[in-house]
C-alpha atoms as a PDB file:
ATOM      1  CA  MET A   1     106.128  30.082   5.276  1.00  0.00           C
ATOM      2  CA  THR A   2     107.783  27.200   7.080  1.00  0.00           C
ATOM      3  CA  ALA A   3     111.493  26.481   7.399  1.00  0.00           C
ATOM      4  CA  ALA A   4     111.182  23.356   5.236  1.00  0.00           C
ATOM      5  CA  LEU A   5     110.348  25.397   2.156  1.00  0.00           C
ATOM      6  CA  SER A   6     113.223  26.464  -0.027  1.00  0.00           C
ATOM      7  CA  PRO A   7     113.853  30.143  -0.611  1.00  0.00           C
ATOM      8  CA  ALA A   8     112.495  31.568  -3.841  1.00  0.00           C
ATOM      9  CA  SER A   9     114.944  31.440  -6.653  1.00  0.00           C
ATOM     10  CA  ASP A  10     114.926  32.327 -10.306  1.00  0.00           C
ATOM     11  CA  ASP A  11     116.460  28.995 -11.301  1.00  0.00           C
ATOM     12  CA  MET A  12     113.910  26.200 -10.776  1.00  0.00           C
ATOM     13  CA  ASP A  13     116.341  23.445 -11.855  1.00  0.00           C
ATOM     14  CA  THR A  14     118.734  24.017  -8.993  1.00  0.00           C
ATOM     15  CA  PRO A  15     118.385  21.303  -6.336  1.00  0.00           C
ATOM     16  CA  VAL A  16     117.728  22.426  -2.792  1.00  0.00           C
ATOM     17  CA  ALA A  17     119.174  20.616   0.241  1.00  0.00           C
ATOM     18  CA  ASN A  18     115.684  19.603   1.424  1.00  0.00           C
ATOM     19  CA  ASP A  19     114.913  17.923  -1.914  1.00  0.00           C
ATOM     20  CA  VAL A  20     117.725  15.340  -1.644  1.00  0.00           C
ATOM     21  CA  ALA A  21     116.475  11.846  -0.889  1.00  0.00           C
ATOM     22  CA  ALA A  22     117.976  10.214   2.180  1.00  0.00           C
ATOM     23  CA  PRO A  23     119.679   6.856   1.610  1.00  0.00           C
ATOM     24  CA  ALA A  24     117.532   3.853   2.486  1.00  0.00           C
ATOM     25  CA  THR A  25     118.410   2.473   5.909  1.00  0.00           C
ATOM     26  CA  GLU A  26     115.892  -0.399   5.926  1.00  0.00           C
ATOM     27  CA  PRO A  27     116.667  -3.618   4.054  1.00  0.00           C
ATOM     28  CA  ALA A  28     114.624  -4.212   0.954  1.00  0.00           C
ATOM     29  CA  ALA A  29     111.526  -6.327   1.498  1.00  0.00           C
ATOM     30  CA  ARG A  30     111.499  -9.776  -0.036  1.00  0.00           C
ATOM     31  CA  PRO A  31     109.335  -9.992  -3.111  1.00  0.00           C
ATOM     32  CA  GLY A  32     106.052 -11.683  -2.304  1.00  0.00           C
ATOM     33  CA  ALA A  33     106.498 -11.297   1.455  1.00  0.00           C
ATOM     34  CA  MET A  34     103.401 -10.139   3.291  1.00  0.00           C
ATOM     35  CA  LYS A  35     103.870  -6.868   5.106  1.00  0.00           C
ATOM     36  CA  PHE A  36     100.900  -7.349   7.371  1.00  0.00           C
ATOM     37  CA  ARG A  37     100.177 -10.802   8.756  1.00  0.00           C
ATOM     38  CA  ARG A  38      97.132 -11.636  10.778  1.00  0.00           C
ATOM     39  CA  LYS A  39      98.020 -12.672  14.253  1.00  0.00           C
ATOM     40  CA  TYR A  40      95.331 -14.870  15.666  1.00  0.00           C
ATOM     41  CA  THR A  41      95.082 -14.411  19.386  1.00  0.00           C
ATOM     42  CA  THR A  42      92.061 -16.639  19.862  1.00  0.00           C
ATOM     43  CA  VAL A  43      91.874 -20.396  19.699  1.00  0.00           C
ATOM     44  CA  ARG A  44      90.852 -21.564  16.261  1.00  0.00           C
ATOM     45  CA  LEU A  45      88.411 -24.431  15.737  1.00  0.00           C
ATOM     46  CA  THR A  46      89.565 -27.727  14.316  1.00  0.00           C
ATOM     47  CA  PRO A  47      87.758 -28.914  11.179  1.00  0.00           C
ATOM     48  CA  GLU A  48      85.713 -31.380  13.278  1.00  0.00           C
ATOM     49  CA  GLN A  49      84.707 -28.645  15.718  1.00  0.00           C
ATOM     50  CA  ALA A  50      83.752 -26.320  12.864  1.00  0.00           C
ATOM     51  CA  THR A  51      81.592 -29.080  11.355  1.00  0.00           C
ATOM     52  CA  ARG A  52      79.793 -29.634  14.664  1.00  0.00           C
ATOM     53  CA  GLN A  53      79.299 -25.878  15.049  1.00  0.00           C
ATOM     54  CA  GLY A  54      77.695 -25.732  11.617  1.00  0.00           C
ATOM     55  CA  GLN A  55      75.482 -28.721  12.353  1.00  0.00           C
ATOM     56  CA  VAL A  56      74.172 -27.372  15.650  1.00  0.00           C
ATOM     57  CA  ALA A  57      73.607 -23.874  14.242  1.00  0.00           C
ATOM     58  CA  THR A  58      71.758 -25.212  11.198  1.00  0.00           C
ATOM     59  CA  GLY A  59      69.691 -27.540  13.369  1.00  0.00           C
ATOM     60  CA  ALA A  60      68.767 -24.705  15.760  1.00  0.00           C
ATOM     61  CA  PHE A  61      67.713 -22.402  12.924  1.00  0.00           C
ATOM     62  CA  ARG A  62      65.559 -25.144  11.401  1.00  0.00           C
ATOM     63  CA  HIS A  63      64.032 -26.203  14.717  1.00  0.00           C
ATOM     64  CA  PHE A  64      63.196 -22.754  16.074  1.00  0.00           C
ATOM     65  CA  GLY A  65      62.469 -21.146  12.705  1.00  0.00           C
ATOM     66  CA  ASP A  66      63.580 -17.795  14.072  1.00  0.00           C
ATOM     67  CA  ARG A  67      67.118 -16.460  14.075  1.00  0.00           C
ATOM     68  CA  ASP A  68      66.794 -14.713  17.435  1.00  0.00           C
ATOM     69  CA  ALA A  69      65.314 -17.761  19.168  1.00  0.00           C
ATOM     70  CA  ALA A  70      68.037 -20.026  17.733  1.00  0.00           C
ATOM     71  CA  MET A  71      70.818 -17.634  18.774  1.00  0.00           C
ATOM     72  CA  ALA A  72      69.344 -17.278  22.253  1.00  0.00           C
ATOM     73  CA  PHE A  73      69.167 -21.052  22.686  1.00  0.00           C
ATOM     74  CA  LEU A  74      72.727 -21.612  21.468  1.00  0.00           C
ATOM     75  CA  ASN A  75      74.349 -18.788  23.434  1.00  0.00           C
ATOM     76  CA  ASP A  76      72.462 -18.753  26.750  1.00  0.00           C
ATOM     77  CA  HIS A  77      73.498 -20.981  29.647  1.00  0.00           C
ATOM     78  CA  ASP A  78      71.242 -24.030  29.864  1.00  0.00           C
ATOM     79  CA  GLU A  79      70.859 -25.494  33.353  1.00  0.00           C
ATOM     80  CA  ALA A  80      69.747 -28.905  32.092  1.00  0.00           C
ATOM     81  CA  LEU A  81      72.828 -29.205  29.878  1.00  0.00           C
ATOM     82  CA  GLY A  82      75.162 -27.574  32.364  1.00  0.00           C
ATOM     83  CA  GLY A  83      76.587 -24.993  29.973  1.00  0.00           C
ATOM     84  CA  ARG A  84      76.127 -23.100  26.756  1.00  0.00           C
ATOM     85  CA  PRO A  85      74.708 -25.437  24.108  1.00  0.00           C
ATOM     86  CA  LEU A  86      77.036 -24.059  21.444  1.00  0.00           C
ATOM     87  CA  ASP A  87      80.132 -24.755  23.558  1.00  0.00           C
ATOM     88  CA  LEU A  88      78.944 -28.258  24.408  1.00  0.00           C
ATOM     89  CA  ALA A  89      78.198 -29.098  20.776  1.00  0.00           C
ATOM     90  CA  ILE A  90      81.586 -27.841  19.608  1.00  0.00           C
ATOM     91  CA  ALA A  91      83.492 -29.720  22.327  1.00  0.00           C
ATOM     92  CA  SER A  92      82.507 -33.274  21.346  1.00  0.00           C
ATOM     93  CA  ALA A  93      80.192 -35.459  19.318  1.00  0.00           C
ATOM     94  CA  GLU A  94      78.485 -36.521  22.565  1.00  0.00           C
ATOM     95  CA  GLY A  95      77.862 -32.865  23.399  1.00  0.00           C
ATOM     96  CA  LEU A  96      76.360 -32.330  19.958  1.00  0.00           C
ATOM     97  CA  ALA A  97      74.006 -35.280  20.519  1.00  0.00           C
ATOM     98  CA  LEU A  98      72.954 -33.885  23.928  1.00  0.00           C
ATOM     99  CA  VAL A  99      72.233 -30.454  22.458  1.00  0.00           C
ATOM    100  CA  GLU A 100      70.243 -31.939  19.571  1.00  0.00           C
ATOM    101  CA  ALA A 101      68.198 -33.999  22.070  1.00  0.00           C
ATOM    102  CA  ALA A 102      67.573 -30.882  24.174  1.00  0.00           C
ATOM    103  CA  MET A 103      66.413 -28.987  21.071  1.00  0.00           C
ATOM    104  CA  ALA A 104      64.016 -31.795  20.183  1.00  0.00           C
ATOM    105  CA  GLN A 105      62.447 -31.563  23.644  1.00  0.00           C
ATOM    106  CA  ARG A 106      61.926 -27.809  23.361  1.00  0.00           C
ATOM    107  CA  LYS A 107      58.694 -26.546  21.923  1.00  0.00           C
ATOM    108  CA  VAL A 108      58.814 -23.968  19.192  1.00  0.00           C
END
């Protein structure tokens, strides 16, 4: 047996020193307060950037017809565009137009 266990006794109602609850030392949490908050360490997209990301992804899936081909086009560095098409499309409306033009020139 371990030291934390109380010795056997005939009277089960007798409290043992180990059974006493310690007083709370932490302040009570506010009702409704979240205990665990997400801490975003990455840069989040603005609504305009998220819209452009959706447009270029949808356009790539429709143009290439294959998920893997669309993902490869969007995520691989493109020499003609000078960067990753997904990054360029997210950065500005002009970048989105360049990426869409580059997709149109590519054969399926």
